Amino acid sequence: MEEILAVEQRRPVRETPLEKLVRESGAFSAALFRLAWLTALLTPVLLASFLTLDLAVFRFDQIFDSAAQKPSNWLSVGGIVMTCAGLLVILFSRRYGGDEASRAITASWGVAAIVVFAGLAELAPVLQDSDFPAARSVVAFVASAMLGQYVAVHFYDVLRGGGAWWRAPLIAALAGLGLQASIFYPWAFWGSDSPWFFWMLADFSVKAAGAAAFLPIYRALQQTLKPRGGFGGR
């Protein structure tokens, strides 16, 4: 006689409309709070970059004899701060994934733009035309920085979870910062007599050094910023 094995079948637990509403509302609230938190971290960095963009760094000028090649022509405090912003979003991507990091980038730039325009409107009566940078340079700076940050989180999201621990953050940082430099300098200086190609290479060299210096920080934060479930990484 064949033994008939009874297979227990579990019926899916039915969720009432109210329970579904509560669950989805909770998930939405958590996502909104997370976006607000990441935006609150990134926006001050962007604003600090805007406010210090015209503060040139003169410390290394004595290394170069040619006036056109001196780092103060292209190296500014604001540029360094924006480099830090590009590295910060990689940490966002590690913890929450590329999509969440991209949303934080979009929201942060939006909030920063509102703050900047509000400040300009408030100060407009006392500002002179000479107080404003060239529109071409501003657009080039903003566009290159935004695109560089999007590319950095995308590269990190693709490369995470495989190979040596430093591969994903280093390649992501170099890709994002490299794109930023390669967009900004041709856009801002094309057609001028400035040695912008030399400035672009020098700027990327400094940013590459910054990306390398970022690796020990990334390593130290690996355990603290463990990826959330489903995002992979180590």
Protein backbone atom coordinates (compact mmCIF):
# COMPACT_ATOMS: atom_id res chain seq x y z
CA MET A 1 0.00 0.00 0.00
CA GLU A 2 1.43 3.27 -1.02
CA GLU A 3 1.84 5.76 1.70
CA ILE A 4 0.21 9.04 0.89
CA LEU A 5 2.18 11.98 2.08
CA ALA A 6 0.12 14.91 3.12
CA VAL A 7 1.62 18.15 2.01
CA GLU A 8 0.74 21.07 4.15
CA GLN A 9 -0.24 24.03 2.11
CA ARG A 10 -0.05 27.42 3.68
CA ARG A 11 -2.53 29.94 2.58
CA PRO A 12 -1.16 33.40 2.06
CA VAL A 13 -2.05 35.75 4.85
CA ARG A 14 -4.57 38.18 3.56
CA GLU A 15 -3.86 41.82 4.22
CA THR A 16 -6.76 44.08 4.88
CA PRO A 17 -6.94 47.40 3.01
CA LEU A 18 -6.28 49.23 6.26
CA GLU A 19 -3.20 47.13 7.02
CA LYS A 20 -1.90 47.70 3.50
CA LEU A 21 -2.45 51.43 3.83
CA VAL A 22 -0.60 51.52 7.14
CA ARG A 23 2.29 49.46 5.76
CA GLU A 24 2.68 51.51 2.59
CA SER A 25 2.31 54.78 4.49
CA GLY A 26 5.04 53.68 6.88
CA ALA A 27 7.35 52.72 4.01
CA PHE A 28 6.69 56.04 2.27
CA SER A 29 7.33 58.01 5.45
CA ALA A 30 10.58 56.14 6.06
CA ALA A 31 11.74 56.78 2.49
CA LEU A 32 10.81 60.46 2.74
CA PHE A 33 12.65 60.84 6.04
CA ARG A 34 15.70 59.09 4.59
CA LEU A 35 15.71 61.39 1.57
CA ALA A 36 15.37 64.44 3.83
CA TRP A 37 18.26 63.21 5.98
CA LEU A 38 20.58 62.64 3.03
CA THR A 39 19.58 65.98 1.53
CA ALA A 40 20.34 67.69 4.84
CA LEU A 41 23.83 66.18 4.74
CA LEU A 42 24.68 67.06 1.13
CA THR A 43 23.05 70.48 0.71
CA PRO A 44 25.35 72.35 3.17
CA VAL A 45 28.37 70.96 1.32
CA LEU A 46 27.03 72.25 -1.99
CA LEU A 47 26.29 75.67 -0.50
CA ALA A 48 29.74 75.84 1.09
CA SER A 49 31.22 75.12 -2.34
CA PHE A 50 29.21 77.93 -3.94
CA LEU A 51 30.23 80.42 -1.25
CA THR A 52 33.94 79.62 -1.49
CA LEU A 53 34.23 79.06 -5.22
CA ASP A 54 36.08 82.33 -5.77
CA LEU A 55 38.55 81.75 -2.92
CA ALA A 56 41.70 80.76 -4.78
CA VAL A 57 44.34 78.53 -3.18
CA PHE A 58 47.73 80.27 -3.44
CA ARG A 59 49.77 77.84 -1.34
CA PHE A 60 51.34 76.03 -4.30
CA ASP A 61 51.91 78.96 -6.66
CA GLN A 62 55.62 79.18 -5.87
CA ILE A 63 56.17 75.78 -7.50
CA PHE A 64 55.45 77.19 -10.96
CA ASP A 65 57.30 80.01 -12.70
CA SER A 66 54.70 80.70 -15.35
CA ALA A 67 51.87 82.91 -14.13
CA ALA A 68 49.36 81.07 -16.32
CA GLN A 69 50.25 77.70 -14.78
CA LYS A 70 49.99 78.71 -11.14
CA PRO A 71 47.38 76.59 -9.30
CA SER A 72 45.55 79.65 -8.00
CA ASN A 73 44.21 80.08 -11.55
CA TRP A 74 42.16 76.88 -11.27
CA LEU A 75 42.36 75.58 -7.69
CA SER A 76 39.83 77.06 -5.28
CA VAL A 77 38.40 76.22 -1.89
CA GLY A 78 34.99 75.75 -3.48
CA GLY A 79 36.38 73.26 -5.97
CA ILE A 80 37.92 71.23 -3.17
CA VAL A 81 34.66 71.28 -1.23
CA MET A 82 32.75 70.11 -4.31
CA THR A 83 35.21 67.24 -4.65
CA CYS A 84 34.25 66.22 -1.11
CA ALA A 85 30.59 66.28 -2.17
CA GLY A 86 31.39 63.86 -4.98
CA LEU A 87 32.98 61.48 -2.49
CA LEU A 88 30.15 61.85 0.00
CA VAL A 89 27.55 60.59 -2.47
CA ILE A 90 29.57 57.39 -2.89
CA LEU A 91 28.96 56.71 0.79
CA PHE A 92 25.26 57.36 0.19
CA SER A 93 25.33 54.80 -2.59
CA ARG A 94 27.09 52.25 -0.42
CA ARG A 95 24.48 52.45 2.29
CA TYR A 96 21.27 53.00 0.34
CA GLY A 97 22.01 52.12 -3.28
CA GLY A 98 22.48 54.18 -6.41
CA ASP A 99 18.82 55.07 -6.93
CA GLU A 100 18.47 56.52 -3.44
CA ALA A 101 21.77 58.37 -3.77
CA SER A 102 20.67 59.83 -7.12
CA ARG A 103 17.43 61.06 -5.58
CA ALA A 104 19.41 62.69 -2.78
CA ILE A 105 21.65 64.41 -5.34
CA THR A 106 18.65 65.77 -7.23
CA ALA A 107 16.92 66.97 -4.07
CA SER A 108 20.08 68.56 -2.66
CA TRP A 109 20.83 70.52 -5.81
CA GLY A 110 17.21 71.64 -5.93
CA VAL A 111 17.29 72.89 -2.34
CA ALA A 112 20.68 74.53 -2.89
CA ALA A 113 19.36 76.34 -5.97
CA ILE A 114 16.38 77.67 -4.02
CA VAL A 115 18.63 78.92 -1.23
CA VAL A 116 21.04 80.58 -3.67
CA PHE A 117 18.29 82.33 -5.63
CA ALA A 118 16.63 83.47 -2.42
CA GLY A 119 19.93 84.88 -1.21
CA LEU A 120 20.56 86.66 -4.49
CA ALA A 121 17.09 88.17 -4.41
CA GLU A 122 17.72 89.44 -0.90
CA LEU A 123 21.13 90.90 -1.73
CA ALA A 124 20.28 92.17 -5.22
CA PRO A 125 19.98 95.85 -4.19
CA VAL A 126 23.57 95.97 -2.90
CA LEU A 127 25.28 93.70 -5.43
CA GLN A 128 27.24 95.00 -8.41
CA ASP A 129 27.66 93.28 -11.76
CA SER A 130 31.28 92.59 -10.85
CA ASP A 131 30.12 90.54 -7.86
CA PHE A 132 28.67 87.87 -10.13
CA PRO A 133 30.80 85.23 -11.85
CA ALA A 134 30.42 84.66 -15.57
CA ALA A 135 27.20 82.80 -16.34
CA ARG A 136 29.10 80.42 -18.60
CA SER A 137 31.39 79.37 -15.75
CA VAL A 138 28.51 78.96 -13.31
CA VAL A 139 26.51 76.75 -15.66
CA ALA A 140 29.61 74.70 -16.47
CA PHE A 141 30.43 74.26 -12.79
CA VAL A 142 26.93 73.20 -11.77
CA ALA A 143 26.34 70.89 -14.74
CA SER A 144 29.73 69.19 -14.47
CA ALA A 145 29.44 68.68 -10.71
CA MET A 146 25.92 67.24 -10.93
CA LEU A 147 26.75 64.88 -13.78
CA GLY A 148 29.95 63.80 -12.05
CA GLN A 149 28.02 62.89 -8.91
CA TYR A 150 25.41 60.91 -10.84
CA VAL A 151 28.15 59.02 -12.68
CA ALA A 152 30.03 58.29 -9.44
CA VAL A 153 27.03 56.66 -7.75
CA HIS A 154 26.20 54.72 -10.92
CA PHE A 155 29.73 53.34 -11.25
CA TYR A 156 29.80 52.44 -7.58
CA ASP A 157 26.45 50.67 -7.80
CA VAL A 158 27.63 48.60 -10.77
CA LEU A 159 31.04 47.69 -9.33
CA ARG A 160 30.08 47.05 -5.70
CA GLY A 161 30.29 43.56 -4.29
CA GLY A 162 33.09 42.23 -6.49
CA GLY A 163 36.87 42.39 -6.47
CA ALA A 164 39.03 44.17 -3.94
CA TRP A 165 37.30 46.42 -1.42
CA TRP A 166 38.89 49.56 -2.87
CA ARG A 167 37.97 48.93 -6.51
CA ALA A 168 34.39 50.24 -6.50
CA PRO A 169 34.98 53.47 -4.52
CA LEU A 170 38.20 54.33 -6.34
CA ILE A 171 36.89 53.75 -9.87
CA ALA A 172 33.62 55.50 -9.03
CA ALA A 173 35.45 58.52 -7.63
CA LEU A 174 37.85 58.73 -10.58
CA ALA A 175 35.00 58.38 -13.07
CA GLY A 176 32.86 61.06 -11.44
CA LEU A 177 35.65 63.53 -10.77
CA GLY A 178 37.22 62.90 -14.17
CA LEU A 179 33.93 63.61 -15.93
CA GLN A 180 33.50 66.76 -13.87
CA ALA A 181 36.89 68.10 -14.96
CA SER A 182 36.46 67.06 -18.59
CA ILE A 183 33.12 68.89 -18.83
CA PHE A 184 33.90 72.02 -16.85
CA TYR A 185 37.12 73.26 -18.44
CA PRO A 186 36.18 72.97 -22.14
CA TRP A 187 32.75 74.43 -21.41
CA ALA A 188 34.03 77.33 -19.31
CA PHE A 189 37.21 78.22 -21.23
CA TRP A 190 36.82 77.01 -24.81
CA GLY A 191 37.84 79.75 -27.22
CA SER A 192 39.84 81.67 -24.62
CA ASP A 193 43.61 82.10 -24.47
CA SER A 194 43.77 80.37 -21.09
CA PRO A 195 45.79 77.13 -20.89
CA TRP A 196 42.62 75.33 -19.86
CA PHE A 197 43.81 71.92 -21.04
CA PHE A 198 46.76 72.09 -18.64
CA TRP A 199 44.42 73.30 -15.90
CA MET A 200 42.07 70.39 -16.59
CA LEU A 201 44.85 67.82 -16.31
CA ALA A 202 46.25 69.44 -13.18
CA ASP A 203 42.79 69.65 -11.62
CA PHE A 204 42.10 65.99 -12.31
CA SER A 205 45.48 65.05 -10.83
CA VAL A 206 44.57 66.81 -7.59
CA LYS A 207 41.13 65.18 -7.58
CA ALA A 208 42.67 61.77 -8.24
CA ALA A 209 44.88 62.29 -5.21
CA GLY A 210 41.75 63.20 -3.25
CA ALA A 211 40.08 59.99 -4.43
CA ALA A 212 43.08 57.98 -3.21
CA ALA A 213 43.03 59.81 0.13
CA PHE A 214 39.32 58.96 0.41
CA LEU A 215 40.02 55.21 0.47
CA PRO A 216 41.20 55.02 4.12
CA ILE A 217 38.06 56.92 5.15
CA TYR A 218 35.91 54.55 3.12
CA ARG A 219 37.69 51.58 4.68
CA ALA A 220 37.16 52.90 8.19
CA LEU A 221 33.44 53.41 7.54
CA GLN A 222 32.79 50.05 5.88
CA GLN A 223 31.48 48.39 9.01
CA THR A 224 29.49 51.44 10.11
CA LEU A 225 27.89 52.00 6.70
CA LYS A 226 26.94 48.45 5.86
CA PRO A 227 24.75 48.18 2.75
CA ARG A 228 21.08 47.70 3.41
CA GLY A 229 19.56 44.40 2.39
CA GLY A 230 19.54 43.83 -1.34
CA PHE A 231 22.21 46.36 -2.25
CA GLY A 232 25.21 44.03 -2.09
CA GLY A 233 28.71 45.21 -1.36
CA ARG A 234 31.12 44.36 1.41
